[in-house]
PDB file of N, CA and C in Angstrom:
ATOM      1  N   MET A   1      77.818  82.954  96.631  1.00  0.00           N
ATOM      2  CA  MET A   1      79.159  83.313  96.210  1.00  0.00           C
ATOM      3  C   MET A   1      79.721  84.302  97.241  1.00  0.00           C
ATOM      4  N   ARG A   2      80.945  84.090  97.631  1.00  0.00           N
ATOM      5  CA  ARG A   2      81.585  84.916  98.646  1.00  0.00           C
ATOM      6  C   ARG A   2      82.487  85.958  97.988  1.00  0.00           C
ATOM      7  N   SER A   3      82.332  87.205  98.419  1.00  0.00           N
ATOM      8  CA  SER A   3      83.175  88.279  97.898  1.00  0.00           C
ATOM      9  C   SER A   3      84.536  88.226  98.580  1.00  0.00           C
ATOM     10  N   ARG A   4      85.533  88.699  97.857  1.00  0.00           N
ATOM     11  CA  ARG A   4      86.893  88.743  98.394  1.00  0.00           C
ATOM     12  C   ARG A   4      87.677  89.763  97.581  1.00  0.00           C
ATOM     13  N   TRP A   5      88.465  90.559  98.265  1.00  0.00           N
ATOM     14  CA  TRP A   5      89.324  91.533  97.589  1.00  0.00           C
ATOM     15  C   TRP A   5      90.757  91.237  98.000  1.00  0.00           C
ATOM     16  N   VAL A   6      91.664  91.275  97.045  1.00  0.00           N
ATOM     17  CA  VAL A   6      93.072  91.013  97.324  1.00  0.00           C
ATOM     18  C   VAL A   6      93.895  92.230  96.933  1.00  0.00           C
ATOM     19  N   GLY A   7      95.013  92.367  97.607  1.00  0.00           N
ATOM     20  CA  GLY A   7      95.912  93.481  97.347  1.00  0.00           C
ATOM     21  C   GLY A   7      97.355  93.016  97.365  1.00  0.00           C
ATOM     22  N   PRO A   8      98.268  93.945  97.253  1.00  0.00           N
ATOM     23  CA  PRO A   8      99.692  93.594  97.249  1.00  0.00           C
ATOM     24  C   PRO A   8     100.144  93.089  98.614  1.00  0.00           C
ATOM     25  N   ASP A   9     101.281  92.447  98.616  1.00  0.00           N
ATOM     26  CA  ASP A   9     101.918  91.966  99.845  1.00  0.00           C
ATOM     27  C   ASP A   9     101.077  90.948 100.599  1.00  0.00           C
ATOM     28  N   GLY A  10     100.223  90.204  99.901  1.00  0.00           N
ATOM     29  CA  GLY A  10      99.473  89.127 100.537  1.00  0.00           C
ATOM     30  C   GLY A  10      98.243  89.541 101.310  1.00  0.00           C
ATOM     31  N   TYR A  11      97.789  90.779 101.158  1.00  0.00           N
ATOM     32  CA  TYR A  11      96.593  91.231 101.870  1.00  0.00           C
ATOM     33  C   TYR A  11      95.331  90.701 101.199  1.00  0.00           C
ATOM     34  N   ALA A  12      94.341  90.383 102.016  1.00  0.00           N
ATOM     35  CA  ALA A  12      93.025  89.978 101.530  1.00  0.00           C
ATOM     36  C   ALA A  12      91.973  90.557 102.470  1.00  0.00           C
ATOM     37  N   ILE A  13      90.877  90.999 101.894  1.00  0.00           N
ATOM     38  CA  ILE A  13      89.761  91.543 102.658  1.00  0.00           C
ATOM     39  C   ILE A  13      88.551  90.666 102.360  1.00  0.00           C
ATOM     40  N   VAL A  14      87.968  90.085 103.413  1.00  0.00           N
ATOM     41  CA  VAL A  14      86.790  89.233 103.253  1.00  0.00           C
ATOM     42  C   VAL A  14      85.708  89.688 104.228  1.00  0.00           C
ATOM     43  N   PRO A  15      84.450  89.637 103.810  1.00  0.00           N
ATOM     44  CA  PRO A  15      83.378  90.002 104.733  1.00  0.00           C
ATOM     45  C   PRO A  15      83.218  88.935 105.800  1.00  0.00           C
ATOM     46  N   GLY A  16      82.813  89.353 106.971  1.00  0.00           N
ATOM     47  CA  GLY A  16      82.599  88.424 108.068  1.00  0.00           C
ATOM     48  C   GLY A  16      81.622  88.991 109.074  1.00  0.00           C
ATOM     49  N   LEU A  17      81.401  88.251 110.141  1.00  0.00           N
ATOM     50  CA  LEU A  17      80.518  88.685 111.212  1.00  0.00           C
ATOM     51  C   LEU A  17      81.279  88.727 112.522  1.00  0.00           C
ATOM     52  N   PHE A  18      81.041  89.746 113.294  1.00  0.00           N
ATOM     53  CA  PHE A  18      81.582  89.897 114.638  1.00  0.00           C
ATOM     54  C   PHE A  18      80.372  90.067 115.542  1.00  0.00           C
ATOM     55  N   GLY A  19      79.979  88.971 116.197  1.00  0.00           N
ATOM     56  CA  GLY A  19      78.707  88.980 116.911  1.00  0.00           C
ATOM     57  C   GLY A  19      77.592  89.043 115.889  1.00  0.00           C
ATOM     58  N   ASP A  20      76.755  90.060 115.959  1.00  0.00           N
ATOM     59  CA  ASP A  20      75.690  90.232 114.978  1.00  0.00           C
ATOM     60  C   ASP A  20      75.978  91.380 114.014  1.00  0.00           C
ATOM     61  N   ARG A  21      77.222  91.852 114.011  1.00  0.00           N
ATOM     62  CA  ARG A  21      77.613  92.987 113.182  1.00  0.00           C
ATOM     63  C   ARG A  21      78.487  92.553 112.015  1.00  0.00           C
ATOM     64  N   GLN A  22      78.245  93.130 110.851  1.00  0.00           N
ATOM     65  CA  GLN A  22      79.060  92.817 109.680  1.00  0.00           C
ATOM     66  C   GLN A  22      80.384  93.552 109.767  1.00  0.00           C
ATOM     67  N   VAL A  23      81.468  92.870 109.447  1.00  0.00           N
ATOM     68  CA  VAL A  23      82.797  93.459 109.471  1.00  0.00           C
ATOM     69  C   VAL A  23      83.524  93.127 108.181  1.00  0.00           C
ATOM     70  N   LEU A  24      84.610  93.835 107.939  1.00  0.00           N
ATOM     71  CA  LEU A  24      85.544  93.516 106.864  1.00  0.00           C
ATOM     72  C   LEU A  24      86.778  92.943 107.537  1.00  0.00           C
ATOM     73  N   ARG A  25      87.045  91.675 107.281  1.00  0.00           N
ATOM     74  CA  ARG A  25      88.150  90.985 107.931  1.00  0.00           C
ATOM     75  C   ARG A  25      89.415  91.166 107.097  1.00  0.00           C
ATOM     76  N   VAL A  26      90.454  91.685 107.713  1.00  0.00           N
ATOM     77  CA  VAL A  26      91.733  91.912 107.034  1.00  0.00           C
ATOM     78  C   VAL A  26      92.656  90.731 107.355  1.00  0.00           C
ATOM     79  N   GLU A  27      93.163  90.110 106.298  1.00  0.00           N
ATOM     80  CA  GLU A  27      94.100  88.997 106.439  1.00  0.00           C
ATOM     81  C   GLU A  27      95.362  89.310 105.645  1.00  0.00           C
ATOM     82  N   ARG A  28      96.454  88.741 106.087  1.00  0.00           N
ATOM     83  CA  ARG A  28      97.706  88.872 105.334  1.00  0.00           C
ATOM     84  C   ARG A  28      98.382  87.520 105.337  1.00  0.00           C
ATOM     85  N   HIS A  29      98.637  86.995 104.138  1.00  0.00           N
ATOM     86  CA  HIS A  29      99.216  85.664 103.955  1.00  0.00           C
ATOM     87  C   HIS A  29      98.423  84.625 104.735  1.00  0.00           C
ATOM     88  N   GLY A  30      97.071  84.769 104.741  1.00  0.00           N
ATOM     89  CA  GLY A  30      96.203  83.803 105.389  1.00  0.00           C
ATOM     90  C   GLY A  30      96.028  83.967 106.888  1.00  0.00           C
ATOM     91  N   ARG A  31      96.719  84.928 107.481  1.00  0.00           N
ATOM     92  CA  ARG A  31      96.618  85.151 108.928  1.00  0.00           C
ATOM     93  C   ARG A  31      95.704  86.340 109.211  1.00  0.00           C
ATOM     94  N   HIS A  32      94.823  86.179 110.164  1.00  0.00           N
ATOM     95  CA  HIS A  32      93.872  87.227 110.543  1.00  0.00           C
ATOM     96  C   HIS A  32      94.613  88.378 111.221  1.00  0.00           C
ATOM     97  N   LEU A  33      94.388  89.605 110.729  1.00  0.00           N
ATOM     98  CA  LEU A  33      94.996  90.787 111.334  1.00  0.00           C
ATOM     99  C   LEU A  33      93.992  91.607 112.129  1.00  0.00           C
ATOM    100  N   ALA A  34      92.795  91.815 111.553  1.00  0.00           N
ATOM    101  CA  ALA A  34      91.829  92.697 112.222  1.00  0.00           C
ATOM    102  C   ALA A  34      90.443  92.502 111.645  1.00  0.00           C
ATOM    103  N   ASP A  35      89.443  92.837 112.461  1.00  0.00           N
ATOM    104  CA  ASP A  35      88.066  92.974 112.008  1.00  0.00           C
ATOM    105  C   ASP A  35      87.763  94.464 111.995  1.00  0.00           C
ATOM    106  N   CYS A  36      87.451  94.999 110.816  1.00  0.00           N
ATOM    107  CA  CYS A  36      87.219  96.435 110.667  1.00  0.00           C
ATOM    108  C   CYS A  36      85.732  96.702 110.483  1.00  0.00           C
ATOM    109  N   PHE A  37      85.251  97.738 111.162  1.00  0.00           N
ATOM    110  CA  PHE A  37      83.847  98.100 111.097  1.00  0.00           C
ATOM    111  C   PHE A  37      83.569  99.165 110.044  1.00  0.00           C
ATOM    112  N   SER A  38      84.616  99.685 109.397  1.00  0.00           N
ATOM    113  CA  SER A  38      84.424 100.687 108.342  1.00  0.00           C
ATOM    114  C   SER A  38      85.537 100.549 107.307  1.00  0.00           C
ATOM    115  N   VAL A  39      85.290 101.111 106.146  1.00  0.00           N
ATOM    116  CA  VAL A  39      86.287 101.101 105.074  1.00  0.00           C
ATOM    117  C   VAL A  39      87.503 101.929 105.478  1.00  0.00           C
ATOM    118  N   ASP A  40      87.281 102.990 106.243  1.00  0.00           N
ATOM    119  CA  ASP A  40      88.400 103.808 106.721  1.00  0.00           C
ATOM    120  C   ASP A  40      89.368 102.988 107.573  1.00  0.00           C
ATOM    121  N   GLU A  41      88.843 102.075 108.367  1.00  0.00           N
ATOM    122  CA  GLU A  41      89.712 101.215 109.168  1.00  0.00           C
ATOM    123  C   GLU A  41      90.519 100.275 108.281  1.00  0.00           C
ATOM    124  N   VAL A  42      89.921  99.773 107.217  1.00  0.00           N
ATOM    125  CA  VAL A  42      90.641  98.900 106.277  1.00  0.00           C
ATOM    126  C   VAL A  42      91.781  99.675 105.635  1.00  0.00           C
ATOM    127  N   ALA A  43      91.551 100.952 105.335  1.00  0.00           N
ATOM    128  CA  ALA A  43      92.562 101.790 104.671  1.00  0.00           C
ATOM    129  C   ALA A  43      93.808 101.974 105.526  1.00  0.00           C
ATOM    130  N   ARG A  44      93.739 101.707 106.812  1.00  0.00           N
ATOM    131  CA  ARG A  44      94.935 101.774 107.662  1.00  0.00           C
ATOM    132  C   ARG A  44      95.911 100.645 107.358  1.00  0.00           C
ATOM    133  N   PHE A  45      95.397  99.562 106.773  1.00  0.00           N
ATOM    134  CA  PHE A  45      96.223  98.397 106.484  1.00  0.00           C
ATOM    135  C   PHE A  45      96.694  98.346 105.039  1.00  0.00           C
ATOM    136  N   VAL A  46      95.827  98.742 104.115  1.00  0.00           N
ATOM    137  CA  VAL A  46      96.137  98.609 102.693  1.00  0.00           C
ATOM    138  C   VAL A  46      95.515  99.778 101.934  1.00  0.00           C
ATOM    139  N   ASP A  47      96.188 100.227 100.877  1.00  0.00           N
ATOM    140  CA  ASP A  47      95.655 101.284 100.020  1.00  0.00           C
ATOM    141  C   ASP A  47      94.462 100.713  99.253  1.00  0.00           C
ATOM    142  N   LEU A  48      93.292 101.298  99.438  1.00  0.00           N
ATOM    143  CA  LEU A  48      92.070 100.773  98.829  1.00  0.00           C
ATOM    144  C   LEU A  48      92.139 100.746  97.309  1.00  0.00           C
ATOM    145  N   ALA A  49      92.899 101.653  96.713  1.00  0.00           N
ATOM    146  CA  ALA A  49      93.024 101.699  95.254  1.00  0.00           C
ATOM    147  C   ALA A  49      93.775 100.487  94.710  1.00  0.00           C
ATOM    148  N   ASP A  50      94.529  99.799  95.553  1.00  0.00           N
ATOM    149  CA  ASP A  50      95.289  98.628  95.123  1.00  0.00           C
ATOM    150  C   ASP A  50      94.497  97.329  95.202  1.00  0.00           C
ATOM    151  N   LEU A  51      93.295  97.364  95.772  1.00  0.00           N
ATOM    152  CA  LEU A  51      92.507  96.144  95.936  1.00  0.00           C
ATOM    153  C   LEU A  51      91.798  95.760  94.647  1.00  0.00           C
ATOM    154  N   CYS A  52      91.752  94.455  94.383  1.00  0.00           N
ATOM    155  CA  CYS A  52      91.036  93.902  93.230  1.00  0.00           C
ATOM    156  C   CYS A  52      90.064  92.851  93.732  1.00  0.00           C
ATOM    157  N   GLU A  53      88.838  92.891  93.228  1.00  0.00           N
ATOM    158  CA  GLU A  53      87.841  91.902  93.629  1.00  0.00           C
ATOM    159  C   GLU A  53      88.098  90.591  92.900  1.00  0.00           C
ATOM    160  N   VAL A  54      88.046  89.506  93.653  1.00  0.00           N
ATOM    161  CA  VAL A  54      88.182  88.167  93.076  1.00  0.00           C
ATOM    162  C   VAL A  54      86.774  87.670  92.771  1.00  0.00           C
ATOM    163  N   VAL A  55      86.544  87.292  91.530  1.00  0.00           N
ATOM    164  CA  VAL A  55      85.234  86.832  91.095  1.00  0.00           C
ATOM    165  C   VAL A  55      85.317  85.345  90.791  1.00  0.00           C
ATOM    166  N   SER A  56      84.437  84.574  91.424  1.00  0.00           N
ATOM    167  CA  SER A  56      84.372  83.134  91.160  1.00  0.00           C
ATOM    168  C   SER A  56      83.359  82.894  90.052  1.00  0.00           C
ATOM    169  N   LEU A  57      83.788  82.223  89.019  1.00  0.00           N
ATOM    170  CA  LEU A  57      82.895  81.906  87.912  1.00  0.00           C
ATOM    171  C   LEU A  57      82.369  80.480  88.046  1.00  0.00           C
ATOM    172  N   ARG A  58      81.107  80.308  87.764  1.00  0.00           N
ATOM    173  CA  ARG A  58      80.528  78.972  87.823  1.00  0.00           C
ATOM    174  C   ARG A  58      80.954  78.183  86.601  1.00  0.00           C
ATOM    175  N   PRO A  59      81.164  76.886  86.779  1.00  0.00           N
ATOM    176  CA  PRO A  59      81.578  76.058  85.615  1.00  0.00           C
ATOM    177  C   PRO A  59      80.476  75.895  84.596  1.00  0.00           C
TER     178      PRO A  59
END
């Protein structure tokens, strides 16, 4: 199951890999904006308090 957090204005944060390093990928309306190496970097794009985790439920 893949984690994903969404926020206002079409922002989405998804985990990813940059080389062999784990990153938090920031997207807006489906377009890639940045690969962030820390939560502080993500906070430059979106207020962390506004993010909600999307949970996929199995049928």
